[in-house]
C-alpha atoms as a PDB file:
ATOM      1  CA  UNK A   1     -59.519-171.223 -78.550  1.00  0.00           C
ATOM      2  CA  UNK A   2     -59.350-174.916 -79.389  1.00  0.00           C
ATOM      3  CA  UNK A   3     -60.326-174.213 -82.993  1.00  0.00           C
ATOM      4  CA  UNK A   4     -57.571-171.696 -83.651  1.00  0.00           C
ATOM      5  CA  UNK A   5     -54.998-174.128 -82.272  1.00  0.00           C
ATOM      6  CA  UNK A   6     -55.495-176.257 -85.401  1.00  0.00           C
ATOM      7  CA  UNK A   7     -53.011-175.580 -88.187  1.00  0.00           C
ATOM      8  CA  UNK A   8     -54.750-173.763 -91.032  1.00  0.00           C
ATOM      9  CA  UNK A   9     -57.640-172.516 -88.884  1.00  0.00           C
ATOM     10  CA  UNK A  10     -57.373-168.901 -87.864  1.00  0.00           C
ATOM     11  CA  UNK A  11     -59.604-166.447 -86.071  1.00  0.00           C
ATOM     12  CA  UNK A  12     -61.669-165.650 -89.165  1.00  0.00           C
ATOM     13  CA  UNK A  13     -62.266-169.300 -89.995  1.00  0.00           C
ATOM     14  CA  UNK A  14     -63.264-169.953 -86.383  1.00  0.00           C
ATOM     15  CA  UNK A  15     -65.748-167.063 -86.497  1.00  0.00           C
ATOM     16  CA  UNK A  16     -67.267-168.410 -89.698  1.00  0.00           C
ATOM     17  CA  UNK A  17     -67.547-171.854 -88.121  1.00  0.00           C
ATOM     18  CA  UNK A  18     -69.263-170.463 -85.034  1.00  0.00           C
ATOM     19  CA  UNK A  19     -71.649-168.371 -87.094  1.00  0.00           C
ATOM     20  CA  UNK A  20     -72.610-171.455 -89.108  1.00  0.00           C
ATOM     21  CA  UNK A  21     -72.877-174.006 -86.290  1.00  0.00           C
ATOM     22  CA  UNK A  22     -73.268-173.846 -82.524  1.00  0.00           C
ATOM     23  CA  UNK A  23     -70.313-174.874 -80.338  1.00  0.00           C
ATOM     24  CA  UNK A  24     -72.302-177.982 -79.359  1.00  0.00           C
ATOM     25  CA  UNK A  25     -72.790-178.947 -83.033  1.00  0.00           C
ATOM     26  CA  UNK A  26     -69.093-178.433 -83.757  1.00  0.00           C
ATOM     27  CA  UNK A  27     -68.168-180.539 -80.729  1.00  0.00           C
ATOM     28  CA  UNK A  28     -70.504-183.349 -81.854  1.00  0.00           C
ATOM     29  CA  UNK A  29     -69.138-183.186 -85.413  1.00  0.00           C
ATOM     30  CA  UNK A  30     -65.589-183.535 -84.103  1.00  0.00           C
ATOM     31  CA  UNK A  31     -66.418-186.389 -81.728  1.00  0.00           C
ATOM     32  CA  UNK A  32     -68.487-188.169 -84.389  1.00  0.00           C
ATOM     33  CA  UNK A  33     -65.878-187.560 -87.130  1.00  0.00           C
ATOM     34  CA  UNK A  34     -68.535-185.867 -89.280  1.00  0.00           C
ATOM     35  CA  UNK A  35     -66.335-184.488 -92.062  1.00  0.00           C
ATOM     36  CA  UNK A  36     -69.353-183.631 -94.239  1.00  0.00           C
ATOM     37  CA  UNK A  37     -70.906-181.370 -91.610  1.00  0.00           C
ATOM     38  CA  UNK A  38     -67.643-179.473 -91.174  1.00  0.00           C
ATOM     39  CA  UNK A  39     -67.184-179.289 -94.961  1.00  0.00           C
ATOM     40  CA  UNK A  40     -70.620-177.658 -95.237  1.00  0.00           C
ATOM     41  CA  UNK A  41     -69.166-174.573 -93.538  1.00  0.00           C
ATOM     42  CA  UNK A  42     -67.986-171.900 -95.961  1.00  0.00           C
ATOM     43  CA  UNK A  43     -64.195-171.968 -96.295  1.00  0.00           C
ATOM     44  CA  UNK A  44     -63.713-175.446 -94.806  1.00  0.00           C
ATOM     45  CA  UNK A  45     -62.536-178.086 -97.245  1.00  0.00           C
ATOM     46  CA  UNK A  46     -62.076-181.799 -96.783  1.00  0.00           C
ATOM     47  CA  UNK A  47     -58.453-181.544 -95.642  1.00  0.00           C
ATOM     48  CA  UNK A  48     -59.164-178.815 -93.103  1.00  0.00           C
ATOM     49  CA  UNK A  49     -62.212-180.678 -91.770  1.00  0.00           C
ATOM     50  CA  UNK A  50     -60.143-183.836 -91.347  1.00  0.00           C
ATOM     51  CA  UNK A  51     -57.322-181.890 -89.685  1.00  0.00           C
ATOM     52  CA  UNK A  52     -59.787-180.308 -87.217  1.00  0.00           C
ATOM     53  CA  UNK A  53     -61.170-183.728 -86.330  1.00  0.00           C
ATOM     54  CA  UNK A  54     -57.744-185.343 -85.945  1.00  0.00           C
ATOM     55  CA  UNK A  55     -56.291-182.480 -83.899  1.00  0.00           C
ATOM     56  CA  UNK A  56     -59.259-181.897 -81.608  1.00  0.00           C
ATOM     57  CA  UNK A  57     -60.957-185.276 -81.216  1.00  0.00           C
ATOM     58  CA  UNK A  58     -58.950-186.294 -78.144  1.00  0.00           C
ATOM     59  CA  UNK A  59     -59.169-182.859 -76.503  1.00  0.00           C
ATOM     60  CA  UNK A  60     -62.882-182.349 -77.164  1.00  0.00           C
ATOM     61  CA  UNK A  61     -63.703-185.922 -76.179  1.00  0.00           C
ATOM     62  CA  UNK A  62     -62.203-185.324 -72.731  1.00  0.00           C
ATOM     63  CA  UNK A  63     -64.358-182.245 -72.058  1.00  0.00           C
ATOM     64  CA  UNK A  64     -67.228-182.765 -69.673  1.00  0.00           C
ATOM     65  CA  UNK A  65     -70.710-181.921 -70.941  1.00  0.00           C
ATOM     66  CA  UNK A  66     -70.687-178.657 -69.001  1.00  0.00           C
ATOM     67  CA  UNK A  67     -67.394-177.535 -70.508  1.00  0.00           C
ATOM     68  CA  UNK A  68     -67.299-175.533 -73.687  1.00  0.00           C
ATOM     69  CA  UNK A  69     -64.968-175.725 -76.655  1.00  0.00           C
ATOM     70  CA  UNK A  70     -65.069-171.977 -76.941  1.00  0.00           C
ATOM     71  CA  UNK A  71     -64.394-169.563 -74.129  1.00  0.00           C
ATOM     72  CA  UNK A  72     -67.592-167.788 -73.164  1.00  0.00           C
ATOM     73  CA  UNK A  73     -65.882-164.414 -73.345  1.00  0.00           C
ATOM     74  CA  UNK A  74     -66.806-162.033 -76.097  1.00  0.00           C
ATOM     75  CA  UNK A  75     -63.527-162.158 -78.003  1.00  0.00           C
ATOM     76  CA  UNK A  76     -64.353-159.175 -80.211  1.00  0.00           C
ATOM     77  CA  UNK A  77     -64.762-156.885 -77.204  1.00  0.00           C
ATOM     78  CA  UNK A  78     -61.637-158.350 -75.626  1.00  0.00           C
ATOM     79  CA  UNK A  79     -59.580-157.934 -78.802  1.00  0.00           C
ATOM     80  CA  UNK A  80     -60.745-154.351 -79.374  1.00  0.00           C
ATOM     81  CA  UNK A  81     -59.963-153.331 -75.805  1.00  0.00           C
ATOM     82  CA  UNK A  82     -56.572-155.027 -75.950  1.00  0.00           C
ATOM     83  CA  UNK A  83     -55.741-153.340 -79.234  1.00  0.00           C
ATOM     84  CA  UNK A  84     -56.786-149.916 -77.946  1.00  0.00           C
ATOM     85  CA  UNK A  85     -54.696-150.201 -74.790  1.00  0.00           C
ATOM     86  CA  UNK A  86     -51.639-151.441 -76.687  1.00  0.00           C
ATOM     87  CA  UNK A  87     -52.017-148.509 -79.100  1.00  0.00           C
ATOM     88  CA  UNK A  88     -51.955-146.206 -76.068  1.00  0.00           C
ATOM     89  CA  UNK A  89     -48.517-147.620 -75.254  1.00  0.00           C
ATOM     90  CA  UNK A  90     -49.217-150.162 -72.541  1.00  0.00           C
ATOM     91  CA  UNK A  91     -47.319-153.495 -72.673  1.00  0.00           C
ATOM     92  CA  UNK A  92     -49.400-156.161 -74.396  1.00  0.00           C
ATOM     93  CA  UNK A  93     -48.605-158.963 -71.921  1.00  0.00           C
ATOM     94  CA  UNK A  94     -49.590-156.866 -68.907  1.00  0.00           C
ATOM     95  CA  UNK A  95     -52.787-155.574 -70.540  1.00  0.00           C
ATOM     96  CA  UNK A  96     -53.733-159.067 -71.723  1.00  0.00           C
ATOM     97  CA  UNK A  97     -53.438-160.416 -68.175  1.00  0.00           C
ATOM     98  CA  UNK A  98     -55.483-157.555 -66.718  1.00  0.00           C
ATOM     99  CA  UNK A  99     -58.237-157.897 -69.344  1.00  0.00           C
ATOM    100  CA  UNK A 100     -58.499-161.632 -68.721  1.00  0.00           C
ATOM    101  CA  UNK A 101     -58.836-161.005 -64.970  1.00  0.00           C
ATOM    102  CA  UNK A 102     -61.557-158.409 -65.542  1.00  0.00           C
ATOM    103  CA  UNK A 103     -63.515-160.636 -67.928  1.00  0.00           C
ATOM    104  CA  UNK A 104     -63.449-163.520 -65.438  1.00  0.00           C
ATOM    105  CA  UNK A 105     -65.176-161.247 -62.924  1.00  0.00           C
ATOM    106  CA  UNK A 106     -67.444-159.274 -65.270  1.00  0.00           C
ATOM    107  CA  UNK A 107     -68.154-160.668 -68.719  1.00  0.00           C
ATOM    108  CA  UNK A 108     -70.977-158.279 -69.640  1.00  0.00           C
ATOM    109  CA  UNK A 109     -68.826-155.179 -70.195  1.00  0.00           C
ATOM    110  CA  UNK A 110     -68.753-153.043 -73.320  1.00  0.00           C
ATOM    111  CA  UNK A 111     -65.445-152.216 -75.001  1.00  0.00           C
ATOM    112  CA  UNK A 112     -65.455-148.804 -73.338  1.00  0.00           C
ATOM    113  CA  UNK A 113     -66.271-150.270 -69.931  1.00  0.00           C
ATOM    114  CA  UNK A 114     -63.538-152.877 -70.275  1.00  0.00           C
ATOM    115  CA  UNK A 115     -60.974-150.219 -71.227  1.00  0.00           C
ATOM    116  CA  UNK A 116     -61.991-148.003 -68.274  1.00  0.00           C
ATOM    117  CA  UNK A 117     -61.747-150.919 -65.837  1.00  0.00           C
ATOM    118  CA  UNK A 118     -58.346-151.938 -67.256  1.00  0.00           C
ATOM    119  CA  UNK A 119     -57.022-148.380 -66.976  1.00  0.00           C
ATOM    120  CA  UNK A 120     -58.020-148.332 -63.298  1.00  0.00           C
ATOM    121  CA  UNK A 121     -55.955-151.482 -62.702  1.00  0.00           C
ATOM    122  CA  UNK A 122     -52.853-150.537 -64.687  1.00  0.00           C
END
């Protein structure tokens, strides 16, 4: 979530970053101002790498070692379930809140399981 808060870094760029480096490596690159490591990721240029470091250095530096830069939730499953429920006509804000509550309790659900659980709570 921290990564997509940076201007010019979207969901796809964040996914590419996380498939190239672990969250711990990204955190260390940001704290250590390692522009070259971030530039080594496909789609990240010098300006974007510098912007990520500038925007996130203070926030990431304040995280405790146990904290993560990325939410541990499987965002693909969450996004698919959210999209499916919105397509069925449910209000996005309400569904989003319910899905977040479910994932805090059970984060090992499949898309189908998450949708079923959300429908029970709507």
